Amino acid sequence: MIADEGFLVGRGALAQSLMLEEHGPSHLMRLAGVFVCIMMCLFIAWAAVTQITEVVVSSGEVSPLGSVQRVQRLEGGIVKSLSVGEGDLVKRGDVLFTLDDAGIIPERDQLLTRLSNLELRAQQLAAVSSGKEFDIESIAPQYRAFAVTQSGVLDAKREAFEAQADVLRDQLDQRRNEL
């Protein structure tokens, strides 16, 4: 039985090749072949008729007119608008792009607050060391509440300083009396 199955398999392949010889390629295959030949002929005709306006054959190196300078920023950001395009000539001072300041403004405000805090502390320390009064009026209006708090801290420091000075004076007097 195994021999019979092998015989049928080979016989089916033989029948298929005989059918192809008798009928030839299908109509769709012929149409595809004709289409490819027509397209090749059209391409060759187009290539023969079309003129190329510029041809440059050379060897060498392309370099910019001046020195190439890298444009970069120390801190990142999102570009809001671009004022120049690739290949545009720019001069010193031209605006190349604008950054979105949405993330920078809160950071700037935080730094300004920190700067005011440090200035208040410096004035407070200067007032403690010189014995002068703390000037709240010279502080920006948005930081006056903080300045009032710092003034209270200054008064507490002065009282502590005076108390410590009194203790040291008393100790000095006791030492003098002992001698």
N, C-alpha and C. Protein backbone atom coordinates (compact mmCIF):
# COMPACT_ATOMS: atom_id res chain seq x y z
N MET A 1 0.81 -1.19 0.00
CA MET A 1 0.00 0.00 0.00
C MET A 1 0.85 1.26 0.00
N ILE A 2 2.01 1.20 0.61
CA ILE A 2 2.89 2.35 0.63
C ILE A 2 3.35 2.68 -0.79
N ALA A 3 3.60 1.73 -1.57
CA ALA A 3 4.03 1.96 -2.95
C ALA A 3 2.93 2.63 -3.76
N ASP A 4 1.68 2.27 -3.48
CA ASP A 4 0.57 2.87 -4.22
C ASP A 4 0.41 4.36 -3.89
N GLU A 5 0.60 4.71 -2.62
CA GLU A 5 0.47 6.12 -2.25
C GLU A 5 1.55 6.95 -2.91
N GLY A 6 2.77 6.47 -2.95
CA GLY A 6 3.86 7.17 -3.61
C GLY A 6 3.59 7.32 -5.09
N PHE A 7 2.96 6.32 -5.67
CA PHE A 7 2.63 6.36 -7.09
C PHE A 7 1.59 7.45 -7.37
N LEU A 8 0.60 7.61 -6.44
CA LEU A 8 -0.44 8.60 -6.64
C LEU A 8 0.10 10.02 -6.47
N VAL A 9 1.04 10.17 -5.52
CA VAL A 9 1.59 11.50 -5.29
C VAL A 9 2.36 11.95 -6.51
N GLY A 10 3.17 11.15 -7.07
CA GLY A 10 3.93 11.50 -8.25
C GLY A 10 3.04 11.71 -9.45
N ARG A 11 1.98 10.96 -9.53
CA ARG A 11 1.05 11.06 -10.64
C ARG A 11 0.29 12.38 -10.61
N GLY A 12 -0.04 12.89 -9.37
CA GLY A 12 -0.73 14.18 -9.25
C GLY A 12 0.15 15.33 -9.72
N ALA A 13 1.43 15.30 -9.37
CA ALA A 13 2.35 16.35 -9.79
C ALA A 13 2.52 16.33 -11.30
N LEU A 14 2.52 15.14 -11.89
CA LEU A 14 2.64 15.00 -13.33
C LEU A 14 1.42 15.58 -14.02
N ALA A 15 0.27 15.35 -13.42
CA ALA A 15 -0.97 15.86 -14.01
C ALA A 15 -1.00 17.39 -13.97
N GLN A 16 -0.48 17.97 -12.91
CA GLN A 16 -0.47 19.43 -12.79
C GLN A 16 0.45 20.05 -13.82
N SER A 17 1.61 19.48 -14.04
CA SER A 17 2.52 20.04 -15.03
C SER A 17 1.97 19.88 -16.44
N LEU A 18 1.25 18.81 -16.70
CA LEU A 18 0.64 18.63 -18.02
C LEU A 18 -0.45 19.68 -18.25
N MET A 19 -1.19 20.03 -17.20
CA MET A 19 -2.24 21.04 -17.33
C MET A 19 -1.63 22.41 -17.64
N LEU A 20 -0.49 22.74 -17.01
CA LEU A 20 0.16 24.01 -17.28
C LEU A 20 0.67 24.08 -18.72
N GLU A 21 1.16 22.96 -19.24
CA GLU A 21 1.64 22.95 -20.62
C GLU A 21 0.50 23.13 -21.60
N GLU A 22 -0.63 22.55 -21.30
CA GLU A 22 -1.76 22.63 -22.23
C GLU A 22 -2.42 24.01 -22.20
N HIS A 23 -2.59 24.59 -21.04
CA HIS A 23 -3.33 25.85 -20.93
C HIS A 23 -2.44 27.09 -21.00
N GLY A 24 -1.18 27.03 -20.58
CA GLY A 24 -0.30 28.19 -20.57
C GLY A 24 -0.57 29.05 -19.33
N PRO A 25 0.12 30.20 -19.22
CA PRO A 25 -0.09 31.05 -18.05
C PRO A 25 -1.50 31.66 -18.06
N SER A 26 -1.95 32.01 -16.89
CA SER A 26 -3.30 32.56 -16.77
C SER A 26 -3.35 33.96 -17.37
N HIS A 27 -4.54 34.44 -17.59
CA HIS A 27 -4.76 35.76 -18.18
C HIS A 27 -4.20 36.86 -17.28
N LEU A 28 -4.34 36.73 -15.98
CA LEU A 28 -3.84 37.72 -15.02
C LEU A 28 -2.32 37.81 -15.06
N MET A 29 -1.65 36.70 -15.20
CA MET A 29 -0.19 36.69 -15.27
C MET A 29 0.28 37.38 -16.54
N ARG A 30 -0.41 37.14 -17.65
CA ARG A 30 -0.05 37.79 -18.90
C ARG A 30 -0.22 39.31 -18.77
N LEU A 31 -1.32 39.72 -18.17
CA LEU A 31 -1.60 41.15 -17.99
C LEU A 31 -0.53 41.81 -17.11
N ALA A 32 -0.08 41.14 -16.04
CA ALA A 32 0.96 41.67 -15.16
C ALA A 32 2.28 41.81 -15.91
N GLY A 33 2.63 40.83 -16.72
CA GLY A 33 3.86 40.89 -17.50
C GLY A 33 3.84 42.03 -18.50
N VAL A 34 2.71 42.22 -19.19
CA VAL A 34 2.59 43.31 -20.15
C VAL A 34 2.69 44.65 -19.42
N PHE A 35 2.08 44.78 -18.24
CA PHE A 35 2.12 46.03 -17.46
C PHE A 35 3.56 46.37 -17.07
N VAL A 36 4.31 45.39 -16.60
CA VAL A 36 5.71 45.62 -16.20
C VAL A 36 6.53 46.05 -17.41
N CYS A 37 6.32 45.42 -18.56
CA CYS A 37 7.08 45.80 -19.76
C CYS A 37 6.75 47.22 -20.19
N ILE A 38 5.48 47.59 -20.14
CA ILE A 38 5.08 48.95 -20.52
C ILE A 38 5.69 49.97 -19.57
N MET A 39 5.68 49.71 -18.27
CA MET A 39 6.26 50.63 -17.29
C MET A 39 7.76 50.78 -17.50
N MET A 40 8.46 49.71 -17.81
CA MET A 40 9.90 49.79 -18.07
C MET A 40 10.16 50.64 -19.30
N CYS A 41 9.37 50.46 -20.35
CA CYS A 41 9.53 51.25 -21.57
C CYS A 41 9.26 52.73 -21.30
N LEU A 42 8.22 53.03 -20.50
CA LEU A 42 7.92 54.42 -20.17
C LEU A 42 9.04 55.05 -19.34
N PHE A 43 9.60 54.31 -18.42
CA PHE A 43 10.70 54.83 -17.60
C PHE A 43 11.92 55.13 -18.46
N ILE A 44 12.25 54.23 -19.38
CA ILE A 44 13.41 54.44 -20.25
C ILE A 44 13.18 55.66 -21.14
N ALA A 45 11.95 55.81 -21.65
CA ALA A 45 11.64 56.97 -22.49
C ALA A 45 11.71 58.26 -21.66
N TRP A 46 11.20 58.26 -20.45
CA TRP A 46 11.25 59.44 -19.58
C TRP A 46 12.70 59.81 -19.25
N ALA A 47 13.53 58.82 -18.95
CA ALA A 47 14.93 59.07 -18.62
C ALA A 47 15.69 59.63 -19.82
N ALA A 48 15.30 59.21 -21.03
CA ALA A 48 15.97 59.71 -22.23
C ALA A 48 15.58 61.15 -22.54
N VAL A 49 14.33 61.54 -22.26
CA VAL A 49 13.82 62.86 -22.61
C VAL A 49 14.12 63.90 -21.54
N THR A 50 14.09 63.54 -20.28
CA THR A 50 14.23 64.48 -19.18
C THR A 50 15.66 64.99 -19.10
N GLN A 51 15.80 66.31 -18.95
CA GLN A 51 17.13 66.90 -18.82
C GLN A 51 17.41 67.18 -17.35
N ILE A 52 18.62 66.92 -16.96
CA ILE A 52 19.05 67.23 -15.60
C ILE A 52 19.66 68.62 -15.64
N THR A 53 19.15 69.52 -14.79
CA THR A 53 19.58 70.92 -14.86
C THR A 53 20.94 71.16 -14.22
N GLU A 54 21.32 70.41 -13.21
CA GLU A 54 22.60 70.63 -12.55
C GLU A 54 23.28 69.32 -12.27
N VAL A 55 24.54 69.28 -12.62
CA VAL A 55 25.36 68.14 -12.28
C VAL A 55 26.67 68.69 -11.75
N VAL A 56 27.04 68.26 -10.56
CA VAL A 56 28.30 68.70 -9.96
C VAL A 56 29.11 67.47 -9.65
N VAL A 57 30.24 67.40 -10.24
CA VAL A 57 31.15 66.31 -9.96
C VAL A 57 32.43 66.94 -9.44
N SER A 58 32.73 66.69 -8.18
CA SER A 58 33.95 67.26 -7.62
C SER A 58 34.34 66.48 -6.39
N SER A 59 35.51 66.76 -5.95
CA SER A 59 35.95 66.19 -4.69
C SER A 59 36.44 67.34 -3.83
N GLY A 60 36.32 67.20 -2.58
CA GLY A 60 36.75 68.27 -1.68
C GLY A 60 35.98 68.22 -0.40
N GLU A 61 36.01 69.32 0.31
CA GLU A 61 35.36 69.40 1.61
C GLU A 61 34.50 70.66 1.66
N VAL A 62 33.29 70.51 2.16
CA VAL A 62 32.39 71.64 2.31
C VAL A 62 32.55 72.15 3.74
N SER A 63 32.84 73.46 3.87
CA SER A 63 33.01 74.03 5.21
C SER A 63 32.21 75.32 5.29
N PRO A 64 31.79 75.71 6.49
CA PRO A 64 31.01 76.93 6.64
C PRO A 64 31.85 78.17 6.41
N LEU A 65 31.18 79.29 6.20
CA LEU A 65 31.84 80.56 5.91
C LEU A 65 32.72 81.00 7.09
N GLY A 66 32.20 80.90 8.28
CA GLY A 66 32.96 81.29 9.47
C GLY A 66 33.18 80.06 10.34
N SER A 67 33.46 80.29 11.58
CA SER A 67 33.62 79.17 12.49
C SER A 67 32.25 78.70 12.96
N VAL A 68 32.14 77.42 13.15
CA VAL A 68 30.88 76.84 13.63
C VAL A 68 30.82 77.02 15.13
N GLN A 69 29.72 77.58 15.59
CA GLN A 69 29.56 77.78 17.03
C GLN A 69 28.35 77.00 17.49
N ARG A 70 28.53 76.32 18.56
CA ARG A 70 27.45 75.52 19.12
C ARG A 70 26.54 76.42 19.95
N VAL A 71 25.24 76.29 19.72
CA VAL A 71 24.26 77.08 20.48
C VAL A 71 23.72 76.16 21.55
N GLN A 72 23.93 76.53 22.79
CA GLN A 72 23.43 75.71 23.88
C GLN A 72 23.12 76.58 25.08
N ARG A 73 22.37 76.01 25.97
CA ARG A 73 21.97 76.70 27.18
C ARG A 73 22.40 75.84 28.36
N LEU A 74 22.77 76.48 29.44
CA LEU A 74 23.24 75.73 30.58
C LEU A 74 22.14 74.91 31.23
N GLU A 75 20.94 75.44 31.20
CA GLU A 75 19.81 74.73 31.78
C GLU A 75 18.80 74.45 30.67
N GLY A 76 18.08 73.37 30.81
CA GLY A 76 17.12 72.97 29.79
C GLY A 76 15.88 73.82 29.79
N GLY A 77 15.04 73.59 28.83
CA GLY A 77 13.79 74.32 28.70
C GLY A 77 13.04 73.86 27.48
N ILE A 78 11.82 74.31 27.35
CA ILE A 78 10.99 73.97 26.21
C ILE A 78 10.96 75.16 25.27
N VAL A 79 11.24 74.91 23.99
CA VAL A 79 11.28 75.99 23.00
C VAL A 79 9.85 76.41 22.70
N LYS A 80 9.57 77.68 22.90
CA LYS A 80 8.24 78.24 22.66
C LYS A 80 8.09 78.66 21.21
N SER A 81 9.09 79.33 20.65
CA SER A 81 9.04 79.74 19.25
C SER A 81 10.46 79.76 18.69
N LEU A 82 10.55 79.44 17.41
CA LEU A 82 11.82 79.41 16.72
C LEU A 82 11.84 80.57 15.73
N SER A 83 12.81 81.46 15.85
CA SER A 83 12.85 82.68 15.04
C SER A 83 13.64 82.53 13.75
N VAL A 84 14.47 81.53 13.64
CA VAL A 84 15.29 81.34 12.45
C VAL A 84 15.11 79.92 11.94
N GLY A 85 15.44 79.74 10.66
CA GLY A 85 15.37 78.41 10.08
C GLY A 85 16.75 77.89 9.76
N GLU A 86 16.82 76.65 9.36
CA GLU A 86 18.10 76.04 9.03
C GLU A 86 18.67 76.73 7.79
N GLY A 87 19.92 77.12 7.87
CA GLY A 87 20.58 77.78 6.76
C GLY A 87 20.48 79.29 6.78
N ASP A 88 19.68 79.88 7.67
CA ASP A 88 19.56 81.34 7.75
C ASP A 88 20.85 81.94 8.30
N LEU A 89 21.20 83.11 7.80
CA LEU A 89 22.35 83.83 8.33
C LEU A 89 21.89 84.67 9.51
N VAL A 90 22.63 84.62 10.59
CA VAL A 90 22.27 85.39 11.78
C VAL A 90 23.45 86.25 12.18
N LYS A 91 23.13 87.32 12.90
CA LYS A 91 24.16 88.22 13.41
C LYS A 91 24.17 88.12 14.93
N ARG A 92 25.21 88.62 15.51
CA ARG A 92 25.32 88.64 16.96
C ARG A 92 24.17 89.47 17.52
N GLY A 93 23.49 88.93 18.50
CA GLY A 93 22.38 89.64 19.14
C GLY A 93 21.02 89.26 18.58
N ASP A 94 20.97 88.53 17.44
CA ASP A 94 19.67 88.10 16.89
C ASP A 94 19.04 87.06 17.81
N VAL A 95 17.73 87.15 17.95
CA VAL A 95 17.00 86.17 18.76
C VAL A 95 16.82 84.92 17.92
N LEU A 96 17.35 83.80 18.40
CA LEU A 96 17.25 82.55 17.65
C LEU A 96 15.97 81.79 18.01
N PHE A 97 15.66 81.76 19.29
CA PHE A 97 14.46 81.08 19.75
C PHE A 97 14.03 81.66 21.08
N THR A 98 12.80 81.39 21.45
CA THR A 98 12.26 81.85 22.72
C THR A 98 11.87 80.62 23.52
N LEU A 99 12.27 80.60 24.78
CA LEU A 99 11.95 79.47 25.65
C LEU A 99 10.65 79.74 26.39
N ASP A 100 9.93 78.66 26.65
CA ASP A 100 8.70 78.76 27.43
C ASP A 100 9.10 78.99 28.88
N ASP A 101 8.58 80.05 29.47
CA ASP A 101 8.98 80.41 30.83
C ASP A 101 8.06 79.87 31.91
N ALA A 102 7.20 78.93 31.56
CA ALA A 102 6.26 78.40 32.56
C ALA A 102 6.98 77.72 33.71
N GLY A 103 8.06 77.02 33.45
CA GLY A 103 8.79 76.33 34.52
C GLY A 103 9.81 77.20 35.20
N ILE A 104 10.17 78.31 34.57
CA ILE A 104 11.23 79.15 35.11
C ILE A 104 10.70 80.17 36.11
N ILE A 105 9.49 80.67 35.89
CA ILE A 105 8.94 81.72 36.76
C ILE A 105 8.80 81.26 38.21
N PRO A 106 8.24 80.07 38.49
CA PRO A 106 8.19 79.65 39.90
C PRO A 106 9.58 79.51 40.52
N GLU A 107 10.53 79.02 39.74
CA GLU A 107 11.89 78.89 40.26
C GLU A 107 12.49 80.27 40.53
N ARG A 108 12.24 81.24 39.63
CA ARG A 108 12.73 82.61 39.83
C ARG A 108 12.12 83.20 41.10
N ASP A 109 10.81 83.02 41.28
CA ASP A 109 10.15 83.54 42.48
C ASP A 109 10.72 82.92 43.74
N GLN A 110 11.00 81.63 43.66
CA GLN A 110 11.57 80.95 44.82
C GLN A 110 12.97 81.51 45.13
N LEU A 111 13.75 81.76 44.10
CA LEU A 111 15.09 82.30 44.30
C LEU A 111 15.03 83.74 44.83
N LEU A 112 14.07 84.53 44.34
CA LEU A 112 13.91 85.89 44.84
C LEU A 112 13.52 85.88 46.32
N THR A 113 12.63 84.97 46.69
CA THR A 113 12.24 84.84 48.10
C THR A 113 13.44 84.46 48.95
N ARG A 114 14.23 83.52 48.43
CA ARG A 114 15.42 83.09 49.18
C ARG A 114 16.41 84.25 49.31
N LEU A 115 16.57 85.03 48.23
CA LEU A 115 17.47 86.19 48.27
C LEU A 115 16.99 87.20 49.31
N SER A 116 15.69 87.48 49.32
CA SER A 116 15.15 88.43 50.31
C SER A 116 15.35 87.90 51.73
N ASN A 117 15.18 86.61 51.91
CA ASN A 117 15.38 86.00 53.23
C ASN A 117 16.84 86.19 53.66
N LEU A 118 17.76 85.95 52.75
CA LEU A 118 19.17 86.11 53.10
C LEU A 118 19.52 87.57 53.37
N GLU A 119 18.94 88.50 52.59
CA GLU A 119 19.17 89.92 52.84
C GLU A 119 18.62 90.32 54.21
N LEU A 120 17.44 89.80 54.56
CA LEU A 120 16.87 90.09 55.89
C LEU A 120 17.77 89.56 57.00
N ARG A 121 18.28 88.37 56.80
CA ARG A 121 19.16 87.80 57.83
C ARG A 121 20.44 88.61 57.94
N ALA A 122 20.97 89.09 56.79
CA ALA A 122 22.19 89.91 56.82
C ALA A 122 21.92 91.22 57.56
N GLN A 123 20.77 91.85 57.28
CA GLN A 123 20.41 93.10 57.99
C GLN A 123 20.23 92.82 59.48
N GLN A 124 19.63 91.67 59.78
CA GLN A 124 19.42 91.32 61.18
C GLN A 124 20.75 91.14 61.90
N LEU A 125 21.68 90.44 61.27
CA LEU A 125 22.99 90.23 61.90
C LEU A 125 23.76 91.55 62.03
N ALA A 126 23.64 92.40 61.02
CA ALA A 126 24.29 93.71 61.10
C ALA A 126 23.68 94.54 62.23
N ALA A 127 22.36 94.46 62.40
CA ALA A 127 21.69 95.20 63.48
C ALA A 127 22.11 94.66 64.84
N VAL A 128 22.27 93.33 64.96
CA VAL A 128 22.68 92.75 66.24
C VAL A 128 24.10 93.18 66.57
N SER A 129 24.98 93.13 65.57
CA SER A 129 26.38 93.45 65.86
C SER A 129 26.60 94.95 66.11
N SER A 130 25.81 95.81 65.47
CA SER A 130 26.02 97.25 65.64
C SER A 130 25.11 97.84 66.71
N GLY A 131 24.08 97.12 67.10
CA GLY A 131 23.15 97.63 68.10
C GLY A 131 22.12 98.57 67.53
N LYS A 132 22.04 98.68 66.19
CA LYS A 132 21.06 99.56 65.56
C LYS A 132 19.72 98.85 65.44
N GLU A 133 18.71 99.63 65.07
CA GLU A 133 17.37 99.08 64.87
C GLU A 133 17.27 98.44 63.48
N PHE A 134 16.40 97.47 63.40
CA PHE A 134 16.13 96.75 62.15
C PHE A 134 15.13 97.57 61.34
N ASP A 135 15.47 97.95 60.08
CA ASP A 135 14.64 98.83 59.25
C ASP A 135 13.70 97.98 58.39
N ILE A 136 12.43 97.91 58.80
CA ILE A 136 11.43 97.12 58.07
C ILE A 136 10.96 97.84 56.81
N GLU A 137 11.00 99.14 56.80
CA GLU A 137 10.50 99.92 55.65
C GLU A 137 11.34 99.73 54.39
N SER A 138 12.59 99.34 54.54
CA SER A 138 13.45 99.16 53.36
C SER A 138 13.19 97.82 52.66
N ILE A 139 12.35 97.00 53.26
CA ILE A 139 12.05 95.67 52.71
C ILE A 139 10.91 95.79 51.70
N ALA A 140 10.97 94.96 50.64
CA ALA A 140 9.90 94.94 49.62
C ALA A 140 8.57 94.58 50.27
N PRO A 141 7.46 95.17 49.79
CA PRO A 141 6.16 94.96 50.44
C PRO A 141 5.73 93.50 50.55
N GLN A 142 6.06 92.67 49.57
CA GLN A 142 5.61 91.28 49.63
C GLN A 142 6.34 90.47 50.70
N TYR A 143 7.46 91.03 51.24
CA TYR A 143 8.22 90.31 52.25
C TYR A 143 8.16 90.98 53.62
N ARG A 144 7.30 91.96 53.77
CA ARG A 144 7.24 92.69 55.05
C ARG A 144 6.75 91.81 56.20
N ALA A 145 5.80 90.92 55.93
CA ALA A 145 5.33 90.03 57.00
C ALA A 145 6.48 89.18 57.51
N PHE A 146 7.29 88.71 56.60
CA PHE A 146 8.46 87.93 57.01
C PHE A 146 9.45 88.82 57.76
N ALA A 147 9.56 90.09 57.35
CA ALA A 147 10.46 91.02 58.02
C ALA A 147 10.01 91.28 59.45
N VAL A 148 8.70 91.37 59.66
CA VAL A 148 8.19 91.57 61.02
C VAL A 148 8.56 90.36 61.88
N THR A 149 8.44 89.17 61.31
CA THR A 149 8.82 87.95 62.04
C THR A 149 10.31 88.00 62.36
N GLN A 150 11.11 88.40 61.37
CA GLN A 150 12.55 88.49 61.59
C GLN A 150 12.89 89.56 62.64
N SER A 151 12.09 90.63 62.68
CA SER A 151 12.29 91.66 63.69
C SER A 151 12.06 91.08 65.08
N GLY A 152 11.03 90.24 65.19
CA GLY A 152 10.79 89.58 66.47
C GLY A 152 11.94 88.66 66.85
N VAL A 153 12.49 87.96 65.85
CA VAL A 153 13.64 87.09 66.10
C VAL A 153 14.84 87.94 66.53
N LEU A 154 15.00 89.11 65.90
CA LEU A 154 16.09 90.01 66.25
C LEU A 154 15.96 90.48 67.70
N ASP A 155 14.75 90.85 68.11
CA ASP A 155 14.54 91.28 69.50
C ASP A 155 14.86 90.15 70.47
N ALA A 156 14.46 88.93 70.12
CA ALA A 156 14.76 87.79 71.00
C ALA A 156 16.27 87.55 71.08
N LYS A 157 16.95 87.72 69.97
CA LYS A 157 18.41 87.53 69.97
C LYS A 157 19.09 88.62 70.82
N ARG A 158 18.57 89.83 70.69
CA ARG A 158 19.15 90.93 71.49
C ARG A 158 18.97 90.66 72.98
N GLU A 159 17.77 90.21 73.35
CA GLU A 159 17.52 89.92 74.77
C GLU A 159 18.43 88.80 75.24
N ALA A 160 18.60 87.77 74.41
CA ALA A 160 19.48 86.66 74.79
C ALA A 160 20.92 87.15 74.89
N PHE A 161 21.31 88.01 73.96
CA PHE A 161 22.66 88.57 73.96
C PHE A 161 22.89 89.41 75.22
N GLU A 162 21.91 90.25 75.56
CA GLU A 162 22.03 91.08 76.76
C GLU A 162 22.06 90.22 78.02
N ALA A 163 21.23 89.18 78.04
CA ALA A 163 21.21 88.29 79.21
C ALA A 163 22.56 87.60 79.36
N GLN A 164 23.11 87.16 78.25
CA GLN A 164 24.42 86.50 78.30
C GLN A 164 25.50 87.51 78.70
N ALA A 165 25.40 88.73 78.22
CA ALA A 165 26.38 89.76 78.59
C ALA A 165 26.26 90.06 80.09
N ASP A 166 25.02 90.12 80.61
CA ASP A 166 24.84 90.37 82.05
C ASP A 166 25.45 89.25 82.88
N VAL A 167 25.25 88.01 82.45
CA VAL A 167 25.82 86.87 83.17
C VAL A 167 27.34 86.96 83.16
N LEU A 168 27.92 87.29 82.02
CA LEU A 168 29.37 87.40 81.93
C LEU A 168 29.91 88.56 82.77
N ARG A 169 29.15 89.67 82.82
CA ARG A 169 29.57 90.80 83.68
C ARG A 169 29.54 90.40 85.15
N ASP A 170 28.46 89.69 85.53
CA ASP A 170 28.37 89.23 86.91
C ASP A 170 29.52 88.28 87.25
N GLN A 171 29.85 87.40 86.34
CA GLN A 171 30.97 86.48 86.59
C GLN A 171 32.28 87.24 86.70
N LEU A 172 32.42 88.26 85.88
CA LEU A 172 33.64 89.08 85.93
C LEU A 172 33.73 89.82 87.27
N ASP A 173 32.60 90.35 87.71
CA ASP A 173 32.60 91.04 89.01
C ASP A 173 32.94 90.07 90.13
N GLN A 174 32.41 88.86 90.08
CA GLN A 174 32.72 87.88 91.12
C GLN A 174 34.20 87.54 91.13
N ARG A 175 34.79 87.42 89.98
CA ARG A 175 36.23 87.09 89.91
C ARG A 175 37.07 88.25 90.47
N ARG A 176 36.64 89.45 90.18
CA ARG A 176 37.38 90.61 90.69
C ARG A 176 37.28 90.69 92.21
N ASN A 177 36.10 90.39 92.72
CA ASN A 177 35.92 90.42 94.19
C ASN A 177 36.73 89.33 94.87
N GLU A 178 36.92 88.22 94.20
CA GLU A 178 37.69 87.13 94.79
C GLU A 178 39.15 87.49 94.87
N LEU A 179 39.61 88.32 93.99
CA LEU A 179 41.03 88.70 94.02
C LEU A 179 41.23 89.74 95.07
